[in-house]
PDB file of N, CA and C in Angstrom:
ATOM      1  N   MET A   1       0.863  -1.239   0.029  1.00  0.00           N
ATOM      2  CA  MET A   1       0.051   0.081  -0.065  1.00  0.00           C
ATOM      3  C   MET A   1       0.931   1.336   0.160  1.00  0.00           C
ATOM      4  N   ASP A   2       0.330   2.307  -0.705  1.00  0.00           N
ATOM      5  CA  ASP A   2       1.145   3.530  -0.744  1.00  0.00           C
ATOM      6  C   ASP A   2       0.951   4.218   0.508  1.00  0.00           C
ATOM      7  N   MET A   3       2.052   5.089   0.972  1.00  0.00           N
ATOM      8  CA  MET A   3       1.847   5.840   2.224  1.00  0.00           C
ATOM      9  C   MET A   3       1.177   7.003   1.995  1.00  0.00           C
ATOM     10  N   SER A   4       1.102   7.613   0.864  1.00  0.00           N
ATOM     11  CA  SER A   4       0.220   8.721   0.699  1.00  0.00           C
ATOM     12  C   SER A   4      -1.303   8.444   0.830  1.00  0.00           C
ATOM     13  N   LEU A   5      -1.581   7.157   0.422  1.00  0.00           N
ATOM     14  CA  LEU A   5      -3.038   6.650   0.617  1.00  0.00           C
ATOM     15  C   LEU A   5      -3.316   6.378   2.056  1.00  0.00           C
ATOM     16  N   LEU A   6      -2.371   5.940   2.848  1.00  0.00           N
ATOM     17  CA  LEU A   6      -2.660   5.988   4.321  1.00  0.00           C
ATOM     18  C   LEU A   6      -2.753   7.216   4.940  1.00  0.00           C
ATOM     19  N   ALA A   7      -2.023   8.259   4.463  1.00  0.00           N
ATOM     20  CA  ALA A   7      -2.053   9.625   4.958  1.00  0.00           C
ATOM     21  C   ALA A   7      -3.580  10.246   4.784  1.00  0.00           C
ATOM     22  N   LEU A   8      -4.030   9.934   3.562  1.00  0.00           N
ATOM     23  CA  LEU A   8      -5.211  10.396   3.208  1.00  0.00           C
ATOM     24  C   LEU A   8      -6.453   9.867   4.026  1.00  0.00           C
ATOM     25  N   GLN A   9      -6.326   8.560   4.201  1.00  0.00           N
ATOM     26  CA  GLN A   9      -7.317   7.849   5.062  1.00  0.00           C
ATOM     27  C   GLN A   9      -7.251   8.349   6.514  1.00  0.00           C
ATOM     28  N   SER A  10      -6.076   8.553   6.925  1.00  0.00           N
ATOM     29  CA  SER A  10      -6.014   9.059   8.200  1.00  0.00           C
ATOM     30  C   SER A  10      -6.646  10.520   8.312  1.00  0.00           C
ATOM     31  N   GLU A  11      -6.440  11.459   7.516  1.00  0.00           N
ATOM     32  CA  GLU A  11      -7.039  12.690   7.279  1.00  0.00           C
ATOM     33  C   GLU A  11      -8.481  12.626   7.315  1.00  0.00           C
ATOM     34  N   HIS A  12      -9.036  11.683   6.424  1.00  0.00           N
ATOM     35  CA  HIS A  12     -10.552  11.530   6.329  1.00  0.00           C
ATOM     36  C   HIS A  12     -11.070  11.014   7.659  1.00  0.00           C
ATOM     37  N   VAL A  13     -10.495  10.189   8.426  1.00  0.00           N
ATOM     38  CA  VAL A  13     -10.880   9.606   9.707  1.00  0.00           C
ATOM     39  C   VAL A  13     -10.893  10.894  10.736  1.00  0.00           C
ATOM     40  N   THR A  14      -9.966  11.800  10.591  1.00  0.00           N
ATOM     41  CA  THR A  14      -9.689  12.837  11.599  1.00  0.00           C
ATOM     42  C   THR A  14     -10.869  13.773  11.160  1.00  0.00           C
ATOM     43  N   PHE A  15     -11.215  14.141   9.990  1.00  0.00           N
ATOM     44  CA  PHE A  15     -12.161  15.014   9.575  1.00  0.00           C
ATOM     45  C   PHE A  15     -13.655  14.524  10.107  1.00  0.00           C
ATOM     46  N   TRP A  16     -13.752  13.135   9.952  1.00  0.00           N
ATOM     47  CA  TRP A  16     -15.049  12.698  10.505  1.00  0.00           C
ATOM     48  C   TRP A  16     -15.171  12.770  12.099  1.00  0.00           C
ATOM     49  N   TRP A  17     -14.030  12.417  12.748  1.00  0.00           N
ATOM     50  CA  TRP A  17     -14.078  12.800  14.198  1.00  0.00           C
ATOM     51  C   TRP A  17     -14.436  14.176  14.634  1.00  0.00           C
ATOM     52  N   ILE A  18     -13.762  15.115  13.763  1.00  0.00           N
ATOM     53  CA  ILE A  18     -14.010  16.583  13.979  1.00  0.00           C
ATOM     54  C   ILE A  18     -15.506  16.883  13.840  1.00  0.00           C
ATOM     55  N   THR A  19     -15.993  16.254  12.659  1.00  0.00           N
ATOM     56  CA  THR A  19     -17.443  16.578  12.349  1.00  0.00           C
ATOM     57  C   THR A  19     -18.274  15.990  13.369  1.00  0.00           C
ATOM     58  N   LEU A  20     -17.961  14.756  13.834  1.00  0.00           N
ATOM     59  CA  LEU A  20     -18.799  14.252  14.891  1.00  0.00           C
ATOM     60  C   LEU A  20     -18.792  15.018  16.215  1.00  0.00           C
ATOM     61  N   GLY A  21     -17.588  15.523  16.525  1.00  0.00           N
ATOM     62  CA  GLY A  21     -17.290  16.272  17.708  1.00  0.00           C
ATOM     63  C   GLY A  21     -18.246  17.552  17.537  1.00  0.00           C
ATOM     64  N   MET A  22     -18.198  18.296  16.569  1.00  0.00           N
ATOM     65  CA  MET A  22     -18.721  19.496  16.378  1.00  0.00           C
ATOM     66  C   MET A  22     -20.325  19.243  16.412  1.00  0.00           C
ATOM     67  N   GLY A  23     -20.857  18.062  15.809  1.00  0.00           N
ATOM     68  CA  GLY A  23     -22.238  17.840  15.978  1.00  0.00           C
ATOM     69  C   GLY A  23     -22.615  17.720  17.371  1.00  0.00           C
ATOM     70  N   LEU A  24     -21.841  16.944  18.163  1.00  0.00           N
ATOM     71  CA  LEU A  24     -22.163  16.644  19.570  1.00  0.00           C
ATOM     72  C   LEU A  24     -22.246  18.164  20.314  1.00  0.00           C
ATOM     73  N   VAL A  25     -21.330  18.945  20.192  1.00  0.00           N
ATOM     74  CA  VAL A  25     -21.376  20.365  20.555  1.00  0.00           C
ATOM     75  C   VAL A  25     -22.752  20.982  20.227  1.00  0.00           C
ATOM     76  N   VAL A  26     -23.040  20.926  18.986  1.00  0.00           N
ATOM     77  CA  VAL A  26     -24.283  21.541  18.485  1.00  0.00           C
ATOM     78  C   VAL A  26     -25.565  20.965  19.250  1.00  0.00           C
ATOM     79  N   ILE A  27     -25.468  19.641  19.316  1.00  0.00           N
ATOM     80  CA  ILE A  27     -26.723  18.968  20.048  1.00  0.00           C
ATOM     81  C   ILE A  27     -26.712  19.316  21.421  1.00  0.00           C
ATOM     82  N   ILE A  28     -25.523  19.270  22.216  1.00  0.00           N
ATOM     83  CA  ILE A  28     -25.628  19.864  23.599  1.00  0.00           C
ATOM     84  C   ILE A  28     -26.143  21.176  23.732  1.00  0.00           C
ATOM     85  N   ALA A  29     -25.764  22.144  22.820  1.00  0.00           N
ATOM     86  CA  ALA A  29     -26.057  23.572  22.798  1.00  0.00           C
ATOM     87  C   ALA A  29     -27.679  23.579  22.672  1.00  0.00           C
ATOM     88  N   VAL A  30     -28.123  22.845  21.711  1.00  0.00           N
ATOM     89  CA  VAL A  30     -29.632  22.792  21.443  1.00  0.00           C
ATOM     90  C   VAL A  30     -30.313  22.170  22.710  1.00  0.00           C
ATOM     91  N   ILE A  31     -29.892  21.200  23.298  1.00  0.00           N
ATOM     92  CA  ILE A  31     -30.416  20.812  24.520  1.00  0.00           C
ATOM     93  C   ILE A  31     -30.494  21.783  25.556  1.00  0.00           C
ATOM     94  N   VAL A  32     -29.437  22.604  25.711  1.00  0.00           N
ATOM     95  CA  VAL A  32     -29.302  23.544  26.866  1.00  0.00           C
ATOM     96  C   VAL A  32     -30.378  24.628  26.479  1.00  0.00           C
ATOM     97  N   LEU A  33     -30.374  25.037  25.312  1.00  0.00           N
ATOM     98  CA  LEU A  33     -31.222  26.257  24.788  1.00  0.00           C
ATOM     99  C   LEU A  33     -32.757  26.014  25.067  1.00  0.00           C
ATOM    100  N   LEU A  34     -33.021  24.597  24.487  1.00  0.00           N
ATOM    101  CA  LEU A  34     -34.420  24.100  24.675  1.00  0.00           C
ATOM    102  C   LEU A  34     -34.844  24.081  26.126  1.00  0.00           C
ATOM    103  N   SER A  35     -33.872  23.533  27.043  1.00  0.00           N
ATOM    104  CA  SER A  35     -34.382  23.567  28.476  1.00  0.00           C
ATOM    105  C   SER A  35     -34.526  24.915  29.016  1.00  0.00           C
ATOM    106  N   LEU A  36     -33.504  25.874  28.619  1.00  0.00           N
ATOM    107  CA  LEU A  36     -33.807  27.187  29.157  1.00  0.00           C
ATOM    108  C   LEU A  36     -35.337  27.886  28.688  1.00  0.00           C
ATOM    109  N   LEU A  37     -35.465  27.497  27.364  1.00  0.00           N
ATOM    110  CA  LEU A  37     -36.651  27.941  26.864  1.00  0.00           C
ATOM    111  C   LEU A  37     -37.906  27.367  27.481  1.00  0.00           C
ATOM    112  N   ILE A  38     -37.873  26.176  27.801  1.00  0.00           N
ATOM    113  CA  ILE A  38     -39.011  25.500  28.658  1.00  0.00           C
ATOM    114  C   ILE A  38     -39.202  26.218  29.982  1.00  0.00           C
ATOM    115  N   SER A  39     -37.951  26.391  30.660  1.00  0.00           N
ATOM    116  CA  SER A  39     -37.903  27.016  31.924  1.00  0.00           C
ATOM    117  C   SER A  39     -38.630  28.510  31.870  1.00  0.00           C
ATOM    118  N   PHE A  40     -38.277  29.256  30.843  1.00  0.00           N
ATOM    119  CA  PHE A  40     -38.773  30.640  30.539  1.00  0.00           C
ATOM    120  C   PHE A  40     -40.248  30.543  30.311  1.00  0.00           C
ATOM    121  N   VAL A  41     -40.744  29.578  29.591  1.00  0.00           N
ATOM    122  CA  VAL A  41     -42.269  29.412  29.230  1.00  0.00           C
ATOM    123  C   VAL A  41     -42.787  28.913  30.536  1.00  0.00           C
ATOM    124  N   ASP A  42     -42.373  28.120  31.375  1.00  0.00           N
ATOM    125  CA  ASP A  42     -43.023  27.807  32.657  1.00  0.00           C
ATOM    126  C   ASP A  42     -43.182  28.926  33.464  1.00  0.00           C
ATOM    127  N   ASP A  43     -42.143  29.846  33.669  1.00  0.00           N
ATOM    128  CA  ASP A  43     -42.159  31.025  34.482  1.00  0.00           C
ATOM    129  C   ASP A  43     -43.263  31.874  33.945  1.00  0.00           C
ATOM    130  N   ILE A  44     -43.318  32.130  32.626  1.00  0.00           N
ATOM    131  CA  ILE A  44     -44.237  33.060  32.022  1.00  0.00           C
ATOM    132  C   ILE A  44     -45.738  32.566  32.272  1.00  0.00           C
ATOM    133  N   ASP A  45     -45.848  31.291  32.152  1.00  0.00           N
ATOM    134  CA  ASP A  45     -47.132  30.483  32.438  1.00  0.00           C
ATOM    135  C   ASP A  45     -47.638  30.796  33.824  1.00  0.00           C
ATOM    136  N   GLU A  46     -46.699  30.647  34.802  1.00  0.00           N
ATOM    137  CA  GLU A  46     -47.101  30.784  36.315  1.00  0.00           C
ATOM    138  C   GLU A  46     -47.415  32.195  36.488  1.00  0.00           C
ATOM    139  N   ASN A  47     -46.627  33.089  35.973  1.00  0.00           N
ATOM    140  CA  ASN A  47     -46.923  34.656  36.180  1.00  0.00           C
ATOM    141  C   ASN A  47     -48.339  35.017  35.345  1.00  0.00           C
ATOM    142  N   VAL A  48     -48.577  34.559  34.202  1.00  0.00           N
ATOM    143  CA  VAL A  48     -49.849  34.750  33.754  1.00  0.00           C
ATOM    144  C   VAL A  48     -51.061  34.160  34.503  1.00  0.00           C
ATOM    145  N   LYS A  49     -50.878  33.013  35.259  1.00  0.00           N
ATOM    146  CA  LYS A  49     -51.902  32.509  36.031  1.00  0.00           C
ATOM    147  C   LYS A  49     -52.154  33.403  37.298  1.00  0.00           C
ATOM    148  N   ASP A  50     -50.950  33.865  37.794  1.00  0.00           N
ATOM    149  CA  ASP A  50     -51.099  34.788  38.957  1.00  0.00           C
ATOM    150  C   ASP A  50     -51.881  36.049  38.389  1.00  0.00           C
ATOM    151  N   VAL A  51     -51.473  36.702  37.479  1.00  0.00           N
ATOM    152  CA  VAL A  51     -52.224  37.854  36.912  1.00  0.00           C
ATOM    153  C   VAL A  51     -53.564  37.592  36.689  1.00  0.00           C
ATOM    154  N   TRP A  52     -53.973  36.410  36.173  1.00  0.00           N
ATOM    155  CA  TRP A  52     -55.353  36.170  35.818  1.00  0.00           C
ATOM    156  C   TRP A  52     -56.155  36.032  37.126  1.00  0.00           C
ATOM    157  N   ASP A  53     -55.533  35.247  38.198  1.00  0.00           N
ATOM    158  CA  ASP A  53     -56.241  35.108  39.350  1.00  0.00           C
ATOM    159  C   ASP A  53     -56.338  36.468  40.178  1.00  0.00           C
ATOM    160  N   THR A  54     -55.434  37.398  40.021  1.00  0.00           N
ATOM    161  CA  THR A  54     -55.609  38.732  40.682  1.00  0.00           C
ATOM    162  C   THR A  54     -56.473  39.493  39.897  1.00  0.00           C
ATOM    163  N   ALA A  55     -56.778  39.438  38.547  1.00  0.00           N
ATOM    164  CA  ALA A  55     -57.648  40.227  37.720  1.00  0.00           C
ATOM    165  C   ALA A  55     -59.115  39.591  38.154  1.00  0.00           C
ATOM    166  N   THR A  56     -59.204  38.398  38.175  1.00  0.00           N
ATOM    167  CA  THR A  56     -60.442  37.860  38.665  1.00  0.00           C
ATOM    168  C   THR A  56     -60.900  38.321  39.939  1.00  0.00           C
ATOM    169  N   ARG A  57     -60.103  38.191  41.016  1.00  0.00           N
ATOM    170  CA  ARG A  57     -60.446  38.675  42.352  1.00  0.00           C
ATOM    171  C   ARG A  57     -60.892  40.213  42.241  1.00  0.00           C
ATOM    172  N   LEU A  58     -60.000  40.903  41.519  1.00  0.00           N
ATOM    173  CA  LEU A  58     -60.368  42.348  41.399  1.00  0.00           C
ATOM    174  C   LEU A  58     -61.757  42.567  40.885  1.00  0.00           C
ATOM    175  N   ALA A  59     -62.074  41.792  39.766  1.00  0.00           N
ATOM    176  CA  ALA A  59     -63.288  41.989  39.117  1.00  0.00           C
ATOM    177  C   ALA A  59     -64.475  41.608  40.248  1.00  0.00           C
ATOM    178  N   GLN A  60     -64.225  40.494  40.957  1.00  0.00           N
ATOM    179  CA  GLN A  60     -65.292  40.182  41.947  1.00  0.00           C
ATOM    180  C   GLN A  60     -65.500  41.286  43.067  1.00  0.00           C
ATOM    181  N   ASN A  61     -64.343  41.908  43.374  1.00  0.00           N
ATOM    182  CA  ASN A  61     -64.363  42.762  44.487  1.00  0.00           C
ATOM    183  C   ASN A  61     -65.059  44.172  44.082  1.00  0.00           C
ATOM    184  N   THR A  62     -64.864  44.331  42.711  1.00  0.00           N
ATOM    185  CA  THR A  62     -65.352  45.756  42.319  1.00  0.00           C
ATOM    186  C   THR A  62     -66.767  45.562  41.469  1.00  0.00           C
ATOM    187  N   SER A  63     -67.312  44.322  41.479  1.00  0.00           N
ATOM    188  CA  SER A  63     -68.559  44.364  40.809  1.00  0.00           C
ATOM    189  C   SER A  63     -69.717  44.986  41.170  1.00  0.00           C
ATOM    190  N   THR A  64     -69.661  45.423  42.548  1.00  0.00           N
ATOM    191  CA  THR A  64     -70.927  45.999  43.025  1.00  0.00           C
ATOM    192  C   THR A  64     -70.557  47.604  43.392  1.00  0.00           C
ATOM    193  N   THR A  65     -69.690  48.001  42.627  1.00  0.00           N
ATOM    194  CA  THR A  65     -69.201  49.604  42.898  1.00  0.00           C
ATOM    195  C   THR A  65     -70.299  50.422  42.432  1.00  0.00           C
ATOM    196  N   TRP A  66     -71.018  49.976  41.363  1.00  0.00           N
ATOM    197  CA  TRP A  66     -71.975  50.838  40.819  1.00  0.00           C
ATOM    198  C   TRP A  66     -73.187  51.141  41.894  1.00  0.00           C
ATOM    199  N   MET A  67     -73.219  50.345  42.860  1.00  0.00           N
ATOM    200  CA  MET A  67     -74.160  50.586  44.011  1.00  0.00           C
ATOM    201  C   MET A  67     -73.752  51.594  45.151  1.00  0.00           C
ATOM    202  N   LEU A  68     -72.454  52.127  44.903  1.00  0.00           N
ATOM    203  CA  LEU A  68     -72.016  52.947  46.094  1.00  0.00           C
ATOM    204  C   LEU A  68     -72.788  54.399  46.192  1.00  0.00           C
ATOM    205  N   ASN A  69     -73.243  54.828  44.951  1.00  0.00           N
ATOM    206  CA  ASN A  69     -74.025  56.115  44.876  1.00  0.00           C
ATOM    207  C   ASN A  69     -75.431  55.758  45.631  1.00  0.00           C
ATOM    208  N   GLN A  70     -76.092  54.757  45.290  1.00  0.00           N
ATOM    209  CA  GLN A  70     -77.281  54.255  45.879  1.00  0.00           C
ATOM    210  C   GLN A  70     -77.053  54.158  47.410  1.00  0.00           C
ATOM    211  N   CYS A  71     -75.976  53.596  47.954  1.00  0.00           N
ATOM    212  CA  CYS A  71     -75.623  53.283  49.244  1.00  0.00           C
ATOM    213  C   CYS A  71     -75.561  54.705  49.967  1.00  0.00           C
ATOM    214  N   ALA A  72     -74.960  55.655  49.371  1.00  0.00           N
ATOM    215  CA  ALA A  72     -74.822  56.906  49.959  1.00  0.00           C
ATOM    216  C   ALA A  72     -76.256  57.442  50.011  1.00  0.00           C
ATOM    217  N   VAL A  73     -77.021  57.545  49.075  1.00  0.00           N
ATOM    218  CA  VAL A  73     -78.506  58.020  49.162  1.00  0.00           C
ATOM    219  C   VAL A  73     -79.248  57.345  50.250  1.00  0.00           C
ATOM    220  N   ARG A  74     -79.227  56.025  50.354  1.00  0.00           N
ATOM    221  CA  ARG A  74     -79.937  55.150  51.347  1.00  0.00           C
ATOM    222  C   ARG A  74     -79.258  55.647  52.863  1.00  0.00           C
ATOM    223  N   THR A  75     -78.053  55.841  53.011  1.00  0.00           N
ATOM    224  CA  THR A  75     -77.598  56.153  54.086  1.00  0.00           C
ATOM    225  C   THR A  75     -78.088  57.477  54.602  1.00  0.00           C
ATOM    226  N   GLU A  76     -78.019  58.468  53.814  1.00  0.00           N
ATOM    227  CA  GLU A  76     -78.544  59.889  54.017  1.00  0.00           C
ATOM    228  C   GLU A  76     -80.063  59.634  54.442  1.00  0.00           C
ATOM    229  N   GLU A  77     -81.086  58.968  53.780  1.00  0.00           N
ATOM    230  CA  GLU A  77     -82.339  58.662  54.139  1.00  0.00           C
ATOM    231  C   GLU A  77     -82.406  58.041  55.496  1.00  0.00           C
ATOM    232  N   LEU A  78     -81.638  57.175  55.665  1.00  0.00           N
ATOM    233  CA  LEU A  78     -81.553  56.386  57.109  1.00  0.00           C
ATOM    234  C   LEU A  78     -81.249  57.526  58.208  1.00  0.00           C
ATOM    235  N   GLY A  79     -80.374  58.237  57.877  1.00  0.00           N
ATOM    236  CA  GLY A  79     -79.897  59.362  58.956  1.00  0.00           C
ATOM    237  C   GLY A  79     -80.978  60.255  59.188  1.00  0.00           C
ATOM    238  N   SER A  80     -81.814  60.645  58.158  1.00  0.00           N
ATOM    239  CA  SER A  80     -82.986  61.463  58.282  1.00  0.00           C
ATOM    240  C   SER A  80     -83.982  60.711  59.133  1.00  0.00           C
ATOM    241  N   GLU A  81     -84.272  59.516  58.779  1.00  0.00           N
ATOM    242  CA  GLU A  81     -85.290  58.666  59.668  1.00  0.00           C
ATOM    243  C   GLU A  81     -84.821  58.571  61.102  1.00  0.00           C
ATOM    244  N   VAL A  82     -83.602  58.244  61.292  1.00  0.00           N
ATOM    245  CA  VAL A  82     -83.108  58.278  62.690  1.00  0.00           C
ATOM    246  C   VAL A  82     -83.289  59.558  63.422  1.00  0.00           C
ATOM    247  N   GLY A  83     -83.173  60.598  62.657  1.00  0.00           N
ATOM    248  CA  GLY A  83     -83.357  61.998  63.289  1.00  0.00           C
ATOM    249  C   GLY A  83     -84.704  62.242  63.550  1.00  0.00           C
ATOM    250  N   ARG A  84     -85.712  61.771  62.762  1.00  0.00           N
ATOM    251  CA  ARG A  84     -87.111  61.882  63.066  1.00  0.00           C
ATOM    252  C   ARG A  84     -87.446  61.116  64.277  1.00  0.00           C
ATOM    253  N   HIS A  85     -86.937  59.992  64.452  1.00  0.00           N
ATOM    254  CA  HIS A  85     -87.245  58.936  65.575  1.00  0.00           C
ATOM    255  C   HIS A  85     -86.637  59.646  66.746  1.00  0.00           C
ATOM    256  N   ALA A  86     -85.485  60.256  66.787  1.00  0.00           N
ATOM    257  CA  ALA A  86     -84.885  60.851  67.867  1.00  0.00           C
ATOM    258  C   ALA A  86     -85.702  62.141  68.280  1.00  0.00           C
ATOM    259  N   GLU A  87     -86.345  62.828  67.372  1.00  0.00           N
ATOM    260  CA  GLU A  87     -87.126  64.054  67.725  1.00  0.00           C
ATOM    261  C   GLU A  87     -88.425  63.518  68.320  1.00  0.00           C
ATOM    262  N   LEU A  88     -88.896  62.379  67.734  1.00  0.00           N
ATOM    263  CA  LEU A  88     -90.104  61.792  68.367  1.00  0.00           C
ATOM    264  C   LEU A  88     -89.905  61.483  69.778  1.00  0.00           C
ATOM    265  N   LEU A  89     -88.735  60.708  70.032  1.00  0.00           N
ATOM    266  CA  LEU A  89     -88.620  60.150  71.218  1.00  0.00           C
ATOM    267  C   LEU A  89     -88.288  61.259  72.323  1.00  0.00           C
ATOM    268  N   ALA A  90     -87.640  62.358  71.785  1.00  0.00           N
ATOM    269  CA  ALA A  90     -87.378  63.430  72.663  1.00  0.00           C
ATOM    270  C   ALA A  90     -88.655  64.150  73.076  1.00  0.00           C
ATOM    271  N   ALA A  91     -89.671  64.386  72.029  1.00  0.00           N
ATOM    272  CA  ALA A  91     -90.802  64.880  72.286  1.00  0.00           C
ATOM    273  C   ALA A  91     -91.756  64.015  73.296  1.00  0.00           C
ATOM    274  N   MET A  92     -91.709  62.670  73.200  1.00  0.00           N
ATOM    275  CA  MET A  92     -92.364  61.866  74.230  1.00  0.00           C
ATOM    276  C   MET A  92     -91.797  61.829  75.413  1.00  0.00           C
ATOM    277  N   GLY A  93     -90.551  62.004  75.622  1.00  0.00           N
ATOM    278  CA  GLY A  93     -89.789  61.969  76.831  1.00  0.00           C
ATOM    279  C   GLY A  93     -90.101  63.400  77.486  1.00  0.00           C
ATOM    280  N   GLY A  94     -90.304  64.533  76.813  1.00  0.00           N
ATOM    281  CA  GLY A  94     -90.655  65.779  77.306  1.00  0.00           C
ATOM    282  C   GLY A  94     -91.954  65.838  77.835  1.00  0.00           C
ATOM    283  N   ASN A  95     -92.937  65.209  77.233  1.00  0.00           N
ATOM    284  CA  ASN A  95     -94.268  65.279  77.696  1.00  0.00           C
ATOM    285  C   ASN A  95     -94.399  64.525  79.059  1.00  0.00           C
ATOM    286  N   ARG A  96     -93.692  63.324  79.320  1.00  0.00           N
ATOM    287  CA  ARG A  96     -93.825  62.627  80.462  1.00  0.00           C
ATOM    288  C   ARG A  96     -93.308  63.370  81.696  1.00  0.00           C
ATOM    289  N   ARG A  97     -92.602  64.381  81.492  1.00  0.00           N
ATOM    290  CA  ARG A  97     -92.204  65.093  82.798  1.00  0.00           C
ATOM    291  C   ARG A  97     -93.037  66.135  83.242  1.00  0.00           C
TER     292      ARG A  97
END
């Protein structure tokens, strides 16, 4: 066998090993990047759920705010009624003496 042929075969095998090594590095990089992506997506999903729960509680807590004006009116009417009762009781108490 010719020595130059053995040298070419050795270089050929060396290039294949280099190619396989580079492929392994690329595969490891892809695995790491996909793992990071999955981690980021899980974090985003968890935060979106927290925001959704907070927005839902906020909507539940503020669903009756339209009644605040009516509550103020009714409170004023109740205050007037209590005042009339107080006047009546004061008048009744004054007649007994």
